[in-house]
Amino acid sequence: MNKKNNGSFLERFHSTATLIVILSPPPLILLLPFIIAAAVIAILFNSCEF
């Protein structure tokens, strides 16, 4: 559990999410649930490292 690594990941996700919100045309909005699910999976995988 590396807090610094997790923080940088969250910063990267936040900047990516902001970019998506700024640039989002209607087709990209349809992908939002998939993007959120991928982010949740990545966070869970990141916090469950051995």
PDB file of N, CA and C in Angstrom:
ATOM      1  N   MET A   1       0.851  -1.194   0.000  1.00  0.00           N
ATOM      2  CA  MET A   1       0.000   0.000   0.000  1.00  0.00           C
ATOM      3  C   MET A   1       0.892   1.252   0.000  1.00  0.00           C
ATOM      4  N   ASN A   2       1.165   1.752  -1.162  1.00  0.00           N
ATOM      5  CA  ASN A   2       2.015   2.925  -1.278  1.00  0.00           C
ATOM      6  C   ASN A   2       1.130   4.155  -1.411  1.00  0.00           C
ATOM      7  N   LYS A   3       1.110   4.974  -0.352  1.00  0.00           N
ATOM      8  CA  LYS A   3       0.213   6.135  -0.369  1.00  0.00           C
ATOM      9  C   LYS A   3       0.605   7.111  -1.467  1.00  0.00           C
ATOM     10  N   LYS A   4       1.909   7.303  -1.654  1.00  0.00           N
ATOM     11  CA  LYS A   4       2.345   8.244  -2.678  1.00  0.00           C
ATOM     12  C   LYS A   4       1.908   7.778  -4.061  1.00  0.00           C
ATOM     13  N   ASN A   5       2.071   6.474  -4.329  1.00  0.00           N
ATOM     14  CA  ASN A   5       1.657   5.913  -5.617  1.00  0.00           C
ATOM     15  C   ASN A   5       0.144   6.073  -5.796  1.00  0.00           C
ATOM     16  N   ASN A   6      -0.614   5.784  -4.746  1.00  0.00           N
ATOM     17  CA  ASN A   6      -2.069   5.916  -4.821  1.00  0.00           C
ATOM     18  C   ASN A   6      -2.469   7.371  -5.061  1.00  0.00           C
ATOM     19  N   GLY A   7      -1.779   8.300  -4.391  1.00  0.00           N
ATOM     20  CA  GLY A   7      -2.076   9.718  -4.572  1.00  0.00           C
ATOM     21  C   GLY A   7      -1.839  10.156  -6.008  1.00  0.00           C
ATOM     22  N   SER A   8      -0.704   9.740  -6.571  1.00  0.00           N
ATOM     23  CA  SER A   8      -0.409  10.130  -7.941  1.00  0.00           C
ATOM     24  C   SER A   8      -1.419   9.505  -8.906  1.00  0.00           C
ATOM     25  N   PHE A   9      -1.843   8.267  -8.605  1.00  0.00           N
ATOM     26  CA  PHE A   9      -2.864   7.623  -9.439  1.00  0.00           C
ATOM     27  C   PHE A   9      -4.165   8.414  -9.379  1.00  0.00           C
ATOM     28  N   LEU A  10      -4.567   8.830  -8.183  1.00  0.00           N
ATOM     29  CA  LEU A  10      -5.802   9.592  -8.042  1.00  0.00           C
ATOM     30  C   LEU A  10      -5.679  10.950  -8.742  1.00  0.00           C
ATOM     31  N   GLU A  11      -4.497  11.572  -8.653  1.00  0.00           N
ATOM     32  CA  GLU A  11      -4.309  12.842  -9.355  1.00  0.00           C
ATOM     33  C   GLU A  11      -4.434  12.640 -10.860  1.00  0.00           C
ATOM     34  N   ARG A  12      -3.807  11.552 -11.354  1.00  0.00           N
ATOM     35  CA  ARG A  12      -3.873  11.258 -12.784  1.00  0.00           C
ATOM     36  C   ARG A  12      -5.319  11.011 -13.201  1.00  0.00           C
ATOM     37  N   PHE A  13      -6.056  10.217 -12.405  1.00  0.00           N
ATOM     38  CA  PHE A  13      -7.457   9.936 -12.729  1.00  0.00           C
ATOM     39  C   PHE A  13      -8.279  11.215 -12.696  1.00  0.00           C
ATOM     40  N   HIS A  14      -8.015  12.083 -11.702  1.00  0.00           N
ATOM     41  CA  HIS A  14      -8.779  13.320 -11.593  1.00  0.00           C
ATOM     42  C   HIS A  14      -8.538  14.207 -12.808  1.00  0.00           C
ATOM     43  N   SER A  15      -7.274  14.329 -13.225  1.00  0.00           N
ATOM     44  CA  SER A  15      -6.984  15.156 -14.400  1.00  0.00           C
ATOM     45  C   SER A  15      -7.615  14.540 -15.655  1.00  0.00           C
ATOM     46  N   THR A  16      -7.575  13.209 -15.753  1.00  0.00           N
ATOM     47  CA  THR A  16      -8.199  12.545 -16.903  1.00  0.00           C
ATOM     48  C   THR A  16      -9.706  12.766 -16.900  1.00  0.00           C
ATOM     49  N   ALA A  17     -10.319  12.633 -15.721  1.00  0.00           N
ATOM     50  CA  ALA A  17     -11.765  12.838 -15.611  1.00  0.00           C
ATOM     51  C   ALA A  17     -12.131  14.279 -15.954  1.00  0.00           C
ATOM     52  N   THR A  18     -11.315  15.235 -15.491  1.00  0.00           N
ATOM     53  CA  THR A  18     -11.578  16.638 -15.813  1.00  0.00           C
ATOM     54  C   THR A  18     -11.497  16.860 -17.315  1.00  0.00           C
ATOM     55  N   LEU A  19     -10.472  16.279 -17.941  1.00  0.00           N
ATOM     56  CA  LEU A  19     -10.310  16.404 -19.388  1.00  0.00           C
ATOM     57  C   LEU A  19     -11.515  15.819 -20.114  1.00  0.00           C
ATOM     58  N   ILE A  20     -11.992  14.656 -19.647  1.00  0.00           N
ATOM     59  CA  ILE A  20     -13.157  14.009 -20.265  1.00  0.00           C
ATOM     60  C   ILE A  20     -14.390  14.906 -20.125  1.00  0.00           C
ATOM     61  N   VAL A  21     -14.578  15.481 -18.953  1.00  0.00           N
ATOM     62  CA  VAL A  21     -15.736  16.355 -18.735  1.00  0.00           C
ATOM     63  C   VAL A  21     -15.657  17.587 -19.637  1.00  0.00           C
ATOM     64  N   ILE A  22     -14.449  18.140 -19.769  1.00  0.00           N
ATOM     65  CA  ILE A  22     -14.292  19.335 -20.606  1.00  0.00           C
ATOM     66  C   ILE A  22     -14.548  19.005 -22.077  1.00  0.00           C
ATOM     67  N   LEU A  23     -14.029  17.868 -22.521  1.00  0.00           N
ATOM     68  CA  LEU A  23     -14.063  17.551 -23.954  1.00  0.00           C
ATOM     69  C   LEU A  23     -15.228  16.651 -24.347  1.00  0.00           C
ATOM     70  N   SER A  24     -16.112  16.333 -23.384  1.00  0.00           N
ATOM     71  CA  SER A  24     -17.059  15.253 -23.629  1.00  0.00           C
ATOM     72  C   SER A  24     -18.140  15.588 -24.654  1.00  0.00           C
ATOM     73  N   PRO A  25     -18.081  14.992 -25.843  1.00  0.00           N
ATOM     74  CA  PRO A  25     -19.227  14.969 -26.751  1.00  0.00           C
ATOM     75  C   PRO A  25     -20.201  13.881 -26.300  1.00  0.00           C
ATOM     76  N   PRO A  26     -21.432  13.864 -26.804  1.00  0.00           N
ATOM     77  CA  PRO A  26     -22.411  12.864 -26.359  1.00  0.00           C
ATOM     78  C   PRO A  26     -21.931  11.416 -26.416  1.00  0.00           C
ATOM     79  N   PRO A  27     -21.204  10.959 -27.451  1.00  0.00           N
ATOM     80  CA  PRO A  27     -20.768   9.546 -27.446  1.00  0.00           C
ATOM     81  C   PRO A  27     -19.862   9.214 -26.268  1.00  0.00           C
ATOM     82  N   LEU A  28     -19.023  10.180 -25.849  1.00  0.00           N
ATOM     83  CA  LEU A  28     -18.101   9.923 -24.756  1.00  0.00           C
ATOM     84  C   LEU A  28     -18.848   9.802 -23.437  1.00  0.00           C
ATOM     85  N   ILE A  29     -19.962  10.528 -23.314  1.00  0.00           N
ATOM     86  CA  ILE A  29     -20.772  10.442 -22.092  1.00  0.00           C
ATOM     87  C   ILE A  29     -21.304   9.013 -21.926  1.00  0.00           C
ATOM     88  N   LEU A  30     -21.591   8.339 -23.050  1.00  0.00           N
ATOM     89  CA  LEU A  30     -22.068   6.960 -22.962  1.00  0.00           C
ATOM     90  C   LEU A  30     -20.991   6.023 -22.421  1.00  0.00           C
ATOM     91  N   LEU A  31     -19.715   6.408 -22.574  1.00  0.00           N
ATOM     92  CA  LEU A  31     -18.616   5.584 -22.087  1.00  0.00           C
ATOM     93  C   LEU A  31     -18.318   5.837 -20.604  1.00  0.00           C
ATOM     94  N   LEU A  32     -18.934   6.870 -20.032  1.00  0.00           N
ATOM     95  CA  LEU A  32     -18.617   7.255 -18.660  1.00  0.00           C
ATOM     96  C   LEU A  32     -18.776   6.118 -17.650  1.00  0.00           C
ATOM     97  N   PRO A  33     -19.864   5.332 -17.683  1.00  0.00           N
ATOM     98  CA  PRO A  33     -19.959   4.207 -16.728  1.00  0.00           C
ATOM     99  C   PRO A  33     -18.812   3.220 -16.865  1.00  0.00           C
ATOM    100  N   PHE A  34     -18.369   2.954 -18.099  1.00  0.00           N
ATOM    101  CA  PHE A  34     -17.236   2.043 -18.306  1.00  0.00           C
ATOM    102  C   PHE A  34     -15.957   2.634 -17.735  1.00  0.00           C
ATOM    103  N   ILE A  35     -15.766   3.939 -17.942  1.00  0.00           N
ATOM    104  CA  ILE A  35     -14.568   4.608 -17.428  1.00  0.00           C
ATOM    105  C   ILE A  35     -14.566   4.565 -15.899  1.00  0.00           C
ATOM    106  N   ILE A  36     -15.734   4.822 -15.289  1.00  0.00           N
ATOM    107  CA  ILE A  36     -15.836   4.780 -13.825  1.00  0.00           C
ATOM    108  C   ILE A  36     -15.563   3.366 -13.321  1.00  0.00           C
ATOM    109  N   ALA A  37     -16.131   2.360 -13.987  1.00  0.00           N
ATOM    110  CA  ALA A  37     -15.898   0.975 -13.580  1.00  0.00           C
ATOM    111  C   ALA A  37     -14.417   0.619 -13.695  1.00  0.00           C
ATOM    112  N   ALA A  38     -13.765   1.043 -14.780  1.00  0.00           N
ATOM    113  CA  ALA A  38     -12.341   0.779 -14.948  1.00  0.00           C
ATOM    114  C   ALA A  38     -11.528   1.451 -13.845  1.00  0.00           C
ATOM    115  N   ALA A  39     -11.916   2.668 -13.482  1.00  0.00           N
ATOM    116  CA  ALA A  39     -11.212   3.383 -12.416  1.00  0.00           C
ATOM    117  C   ALA A  39     -11.382   2.672 -11.078  1.00  0.00           C
ATOM    118  N   VAL A  40     -12.607   2.213 -10.784  1.00  0.00           N
ATOM    119  CA  VAL A  40     -12.852   1.496  -9.535  1.00  0.00           C
ATOM    120  C   VAL A  40     -12.040   0.206  -9.487  1.00  0.00           C
ATOM    121  N   ILE A  41     -12.018  -0.525 -10.593  1.00  0.00           N
ATOM    122  CA  ILE A  41     -11.233  -1.764 -10.659  1.00  0.00           C
ATOM    123  C   ILE A  41      -9.747  -1.457 -10.453  1.00  0.00           C
ATOM    124  N   ALA A  42      -9.266  -0.393 -11.090  1.00  0.00           N
ATOM    125  CA  ALA A  42      -7.857  -0.023 -10.939  1.00  0.00           C
ATOM    126  C   ALA A  42      -7.539   0.347  -9.496  1.00  0.00           C
ATOM    127  N   ILE A  43      -8.439   1.085  -8.830  1.00  0.00           N
ATOM    128  CA  ILE A  43      -8.225   1.468  -7.428  1.00  0.00           C
ATOM    129  C   ILE A  43      -8.216   0.223  -6.543  1.00  0.00           C
ATOM    130  N   LEU A  44      -9.162  -0.681  -6.769  1.00  0.00           N
ATOM    131  CA  LEU A  44      -9.201  -1.906  -5.967  1.00  0.00           C
ATOM    132  C   LEU A  44      -7.944  -2.744  -6.194  1.00  0.00           C
ATOM    133  N   PHE A  45      -7.532  -2.877  -7.436  1.00  0.00           N
ATOM    134  CA  PHE A  45      -6.333  -3.648  -7.748  1.00  0.00           C
ATOM    135  C   PHE A  45      -5.105  -2.995  -7.116  1.00  0.00           C
ATOM    136  N   ASN A  46      -5.072  -1.666  -7.145  1.00  0.00           N
ATOM    137  CA  ASN A  46      -3.948  -0.918  -6.598  1.00  0.00           C
ATOM    138  C   ASN A  46      -3.879  -1.091  -5.081  1.00  0.00           C
ATOM    139  N   SER A  47      -5.024  -1.118  -4.412  1.00  0.00           N
ATOM    140  CA  SER A  47      -5.032  -1.225  -2.950  1.00  0.00           C
ATOM    141  C   SER A  47      -4.895  -2.671  -2.482  1.00  0.00           C
ATOM    142  N   CYS A  48      -5.033  -3.631  -3.395  1.00  0.00           N
ATOM    143  CA  CYS A  48      -4.928  -5.046  -3.021  1.00  0.00           C
ATOM    144  C   CYS A  48      -3.602  -5.660  -3.455  1.00  0.00           C
ATOM    145  N   GLU A  49      -2.589  -4.819  -3.718  1.00  0.00           N
ATOM    146  CA  GLU A  49      -1.280  -5.351  -4.106  1.00  0.00           C
ATOM    147  C   GLU A  49      -0.653  -6.100  -2.947  1.00  0.00           C
ATOM    148  N   PHE A  50       0.064  -7.169  -3.282  1.00  0.00           N
ATOM    149  CA  PHE A  50       0.722  -7.955  -2.237  1.00  0.00           C
ATOM    150  C   PHE A  50       2.159  -7.482  -2.072  1.00  0.00           C
TER     151      PHE A  50
END
